[in-house]
Structure formats: C-alpha cells, structure tokens
Amino acid sequence: MIRLLLVAALAACLLSCDAVESAPVVAIVGARLYNPPSPGFDHSVVIVRGGRIAAFGSQQETPVPAAAEKVNGLGKVVMPADSSRPLASGGPADLLLVSGDPRGSYTVERRMRDGQWVQR
C-alpha cells in the first residue's frame, strides 16, 4: 500500500513539473530592470513561466528559451507592480513595463498579473 502511494505521489509530481515546463513562457528582453532595493541595471531579461518569475538577470547571463514569446523592452523599464515586493525567482509575475523614471514620473505601457498581460 505504501509503495502504491509513493508511486502515485511521484507520478503526480512528474505531471505537475511537466505542466510547468509546458506552460507559456514570456521573455521581456532589453529593458532596464528596476528592482528595489537592489540596484537596477540595463539590458535585462525577465523570464516568466506559469505565472511565476522563472529567472531574471542580464542579457549576457540569462538565456532566453527558444519557444518564449519575446517582448521588446528596449527603452523601457521593467519593475515589480508592487514596489514593496522585489522580484524573486519563483515569485509571482506581477510586473509593469513602463516608460519614464520609475522613481518619479512614469507611464505604464503594459501590466502583467500572474504571468498574463492585462488591460492597463
């Protein structure tokens, strides 16, 4: 009986991992990353998979998956929608893609909630 439960648990885990891997992937490429309290940097990549932040970093260090929907962020700033919650791998993909200064006056170009682009 225990063996059957272990096999069922392993199968469920493998199926859920496969679902995350096959979830749509979005890559925001080239934007300035603003992620307080960390210092921001230009030419970033933010990878979103299954409504979560899968990875983020510089374009030199963060590979873009081949099947990703690529969003051109050049000249824009990508930042957490809630500035009190910095981006973290595995964290919710609640993002803003903005033009202007994120510390002052900016215009929201696109808004992402739980990994999905939504109306402003």
C-alpha atoms as a PDB file:
ATOM      1  CA  MET A   1       0.000   0.000   0.000  1.00  0.00           C
ATOM      2  CA  ILE A   2       2.809   2.441   0.904  1.00  0.00           C
ATOM      3  CA  ARG A   3       4.576   1.602  -2.342  1.00  0.00           C
ATOM      4  CA  LEU A   4       1.420   2.403  -4.316  1.00  0.00           C
ATOM      5  CA  LEU A   5       1.073   5.752  -2.534  1.00  0.00           C
ATOM      6  CA  LEU A   6       4.717   6.610  -3.242  1.00  0.00           C
ATOM      7  CA  VAL A   7       4.306   5.757  -6.929  1.00  0.00           C
ATOM      8  CA  ALA A   8       1.133   7.869  -7.117  1.00  0.00           C
ATOM      9  CA  ALA A   9       2.864  10.806  -5.407  1.00  0.00           C
ATOM     10  CA  LEU A  10       5.848  10.565  -7.756  1.00  0.00           C
ATOM     11  CA  ALA A  11       3.560  10.426 -10.801  1.00  0.00           C
ATOM     12  CA  ALA A  12       1.647  13.491  -9.602  1.00  0.00           C
ATOM     13  CA  CYS A  13       4.901  15.363  -9.062  1.00  0.00           C
ATOM     14  CA  LEU A  14       6.189  14.484 -12.527  1.00  0.00           C
ATOM     15  CA  LEU A  15       2.918  15.517 -14.149  1.00  0.00           C
ATOM     16  CA  SER A  16       2.897  18.860 -12.347  1.00  0.00           C
ATOM     17  CA  CYS A  17       6.530  19.502 -13.319  1.00  0.00           C
ATOM     18  CA  ASP A  18       5.661  18.752 -16.942  1.00  0.00           C
ATOM     19  CA  ALA A  19       2.719  21.174 -16.765  1.00  0.00           C
ATOM     20  CA  VAL A  20       5.011  23.966 -15.570  1.00  0.00           C
ATOM     21  CA  GLU A  21       7.579  23.193 -18.273  1.00  0.00           C
ATOM     22  CA  SER A  22       4.882  23.267 -20.981  1.00  0.00           C
ATOM     23  CA  ALA A  23       3.299  26.478 -19.652  1.00  0.00           C
ATOM     24  CA  PRO A  24       3.628  29.502 -21.934  1.00  0.00           C
ATOM     25  CA  VAL A  25       6.901  31.353 -21.491  1.00  0.00           C
ATOM     26  CA  VAL A  26       7.321  35.117 -21.825  1.00  0.00           C
ATOM     27  CA  ALA A  27      10.720  36.803 -22.010  1.00  0.00           C
ATOM     28  CA  ILE A  28      10.945  40.566 -21.529  1.00  0.00           C
ATOM     29  CA  VAL A  29      14.232  41.433 -23.203  1.00  0.00           C
ATOM     30  CA  GLY A  30      16.374  44.559 -23.188  1.00  0.00           C
ATOM     31  CA  ALA A  31      14.560  46.686 -20.602  1.00  0.00           C
ATOM     32  CA  ARG A  32      16.207  48.374 -17.651  1.00  0.00           C
ATOM     33  CA  LEU A  33      15.435  46.277 -14.567  1.00  0.00           C
ATOM     34  CA  TYR A  34      14.284  48.329 -11.591  1.00  0.00           C
ATOM     35  CA  ASN A  35      14.014  46.057  -8.559  1.00  0.00           C
ATOM     36  CA  PRO A  36      14.336  47.976  -5.264  1.00  0.00           C
ATOM     37  CA  PRO A  37      16.191  47.764  -3.004  1.00  0.00           C
ATOM     38  CA  SER A  38      18.687  46.169  -5.420  1.00  0.00           C
ATOM     39  CA  PRO A  39      20.429  48.468  -7.869  1.00  0.00           C
ATOM     40  CA  GLY A  40      18.881  48.351 -11.317  1.00  0.00           C
ATOM     41  CA  PHE A  41      20.722  47.537 -14.498  1.00  0.00           C
ATOM     42  CA  ASP A  42      20.244  47.937 -18.240  1.00  0.00           C
ATOM     43  CA  HIS A  43      19.768  45.209 -20.833  1.00  0.00           C
ATOM     44  CA  SER A  44      17.911  42.747 -18.626  1.00  0.00           C
ATOM     45  CA  VAL A  45      15.951  39.592 -19.317  1.00  0.00           C
ATOM     46  CA  VAL A  46      12.948  38.571 -17.227  1.00  0.00           C
ATOM     47  CA  ILE A  47      11.610  35.061 -17.893  1.00  0.00           C
ATOM     48  CA  VAL A  48       8.033  34.269 -16.842  1.00  0.00           C
ATOM     49  CA  ARG A  49       6.682  30.713 -16.862  1.00  0.00           C
ATOM     50  CA  GLY A  50       3.404  29.502 -15.410  1.00  0.00           C
ATOM     51  CA  GLY A  51       2.576  32.826 -13.775  1.00  0.00           C
ATOM     52  CA  ARG A  52       5.861  32.927 -11.841  1.00  0.00           C
ATOM     53  CA  ILE A  53       9.243  34.566 -12.325  1.00  0.00           C
ATOM     54  CA  ALA A  54      11.415  31.756 -13.662  1.00  0.00           C
ATOM     55  CA  ALA A  55      14.615  33.811 -13.944  1.00  0.00           C
ATOM     56  CA  PHE A  56      15.930  37.322 -14.354  1.00  0.00           C
ATOM     57  CA  GLY A  57      19.296  38.908 -14.936  1.00  0.00           C
ATOM     58  CA  SER A  58      21.472  40.474 -17.584  1.00  0.00           C
ATOM     59  CA  GLN A  59      21.136  39.532 -21.233  1.00  0.00           C
ATOM     60  CA  GLN A  60      24.672  38.146 -21.112  1.00  0.00           C
ATOM     61  CA  GLU A  61      23.866  35.789 -18.219  1.00  0.00           C
ATOM     62  CA  THR A  62      20.179  34.890 -18.701  1.00  0.00           C
ATOM     63  CA  PRO A  63      19.363  32.697 -21.700  1.00  0.00           C
ATOM     64  CA  VAL A  64      16.019  33.221 -23.427  1.00  0.00           C
ATOM     65  CA  PRO A  65      14.159  29.943 -24.089  1.00  0.00           C
ATOM     66  CA  ALA A  66      13.708  29.359 -27.819  1.00  0.00           C
ATOM     67  CA  ALA A  67       9.925  28.935 -27.529  1.00  0.00           C
ATOM     68  CA  ALA A  68       9.415  32.089 -25.431  1.00  0.00           C
ATOM     69  CA  GLU A  69       7.169  34.937 -26.511  1.00  0.00           C
ATOM     70  CA  LYS A  70       9.741  37.724 -26.710  1.00  0.00           C
ATOM     71  CA  VAL A  71       8.667  41.199 -25.587  1.00  0.00           C
ATOM     72  CA  ASN A  72      10.952  44.008 -26.711  1.00  0.00           C
ATOM     73  CA  GLY A  73      11.792  46.106 -23.659  1.00  0.00           C
ATOM     74  CA  LEU A  74      14.367  48.422 -25.260  1.00  0.00           C
ATOM     75  CA  GLY A  75      13.928  51.943 -23.944  1.00  0.00           C
ATOM     76  CA  LYS A  76      11.540  50.730 -21.224  1.00  0.00           C
ATOM     77  CA  VAL A  77      11.820  49.790 -17.563  1.00  0.00           C
ATOM     78  CA  VAL A  78      10.531  46.501 -16.141  1.00  0.00           C
ATOM     79  CA  MET A  79       9.665  46.575 -12.457  1.00  0.00           C
ATOM     80  CA  PRO A  80       7.516  44.794  -9.872  1.00  0.00           C
ATOM     81  CA  ALA A  81       3.903  46.017  -9.857  1.00  0.00           C
ATOM     82  CA  ASP A  82       4.172  46.343  -6.071  1.00  0.00           C
ATOM     83  CA  SER A  83       7.431  48.143  -5.316  1.00  0.00           C
ATOM     84  CA  SER A  84       7.408  46.812  -1.743  1.00  0.00           C
ATOM     85  CA  ARG A  85       7.796  43.250  -3.104  1.00  0.00           C
ATOM     86  CA  PRO A  86      11.026  42.879  -5.131  1.00  0.00           C
ATOM     87  CA  LEU A  87      11.229  40.373  -7.968  1.00  0.00           C
ATOM     88  CA  ALA A  88      12.361  36.943  -6.876  1.00  0.00           C
ATOM     89  CA  SER A  89      12.782  33.686  -8.775  1.00  0.00           C
ATOM     90  CA  GLY A  90       9.678  31.624  -8.096  1.00  0.00           C
ATOM     91  CA  GLY A  91       7.738  34.714  -7.040  1.00  0.00           C
ATOM     92  CA  PRO A  92       4.556  35.961  -8.678  1.00  0.00           C
ATOM     93  CA  ALA A  93       4.871  37.514 -12.127  1.00  0.00           C
ATOM     94  CA  ASP A  94       3.169  40.822 -11.304  1.00  0.00           C
ATOM     95  CA  LEU A  95       5.118  43.286 -13.434  1.00  0.00           C
ATOM     96  CA  LEU A  96       4.953  46.683 -15.034  1.00  0.00           C
ATOM     97  CA  LEU A  97       6.659  47.642 -18.278  1.00  0.00           C
ATOM     98  CA  VAL A  98       6.954  51.428 -18.134  1.00  0.00           C
ATOM     99  CA  SER A  99       8.471  54.412 -19.863  1.00  0.00           C
ATOM    100  CA  GLY A 100       9.962  57.201 -17.792  1.00  0.00           C
ATOM    101  CA  ASP A 101      11.635  57.226 -14.383  1.00  0.00           C
ATOM    102  CA  PRO A 102      10.300  54.517 -12.032  1.00  0.00           C
ATOM    103  CA  ARG A 103      11.370  56.629  -9.036  1.00  0.00           C
ATOM    104  CA  GLY A 104       9.280  59.567 -10.232  1.00  0.00           C
ATOM    105  CA  SER A 105       7.012  60.116 -13.181  1.00  0.00           C
ATOM    106  CA  TYR A 106       6.391  57.169 -15.485  1.00  0.00           C
ATOM    107  CA  THR A 107       3.746  55.831 -17.855  1.00  0.00           C
ATOM    108  CA  VAL A 108       2.626  52.203 -17.664  1.00  0.00           C
ATOM    109  CA  GLU A 109       2.951  50.668 -21.129  1.00  0.00           C
ATOM    110  CA  ARG A 110       1.943  47.116 -20.166  1.00  0.00           C
ATOM    111  CA  ARG A 111       0.856  45.395 -16.962  1.00  0.00           C
ATOM    112  CA  MET A 112       1.320  41.706 -16.155  1.00  0.00           C
ATOM    113  CA  ARG A 113      -0.658  39.984 -13.431  1.00  0.00           C
ATOM    114  CA  ASP A 114       0.067  36.347 -12.563  1.00  0.00           C
ATOM    115  CA  GLY A 115       2.020  35.991 -15.793  1.00  0.00           C
ATOM    116  CA  GLN A 116      -0.749  37.332 -18.064  1.00  0.00           C
ATOM    117  CA  TRP A 117      -0.788  40.693 -19.804  1.00  0.00           C
ATOM    118  CA  VAL A 118      -3.864  42.647 -18.728  1.00  0.00           C
ATOM    119  CA  GLN A 119      -5.523  45.920 -19.670  1.00  0.00           C
ATOM    120  CA  ARG A 120      -3.965  48.978 -18.045  1.00  0.00           C
END
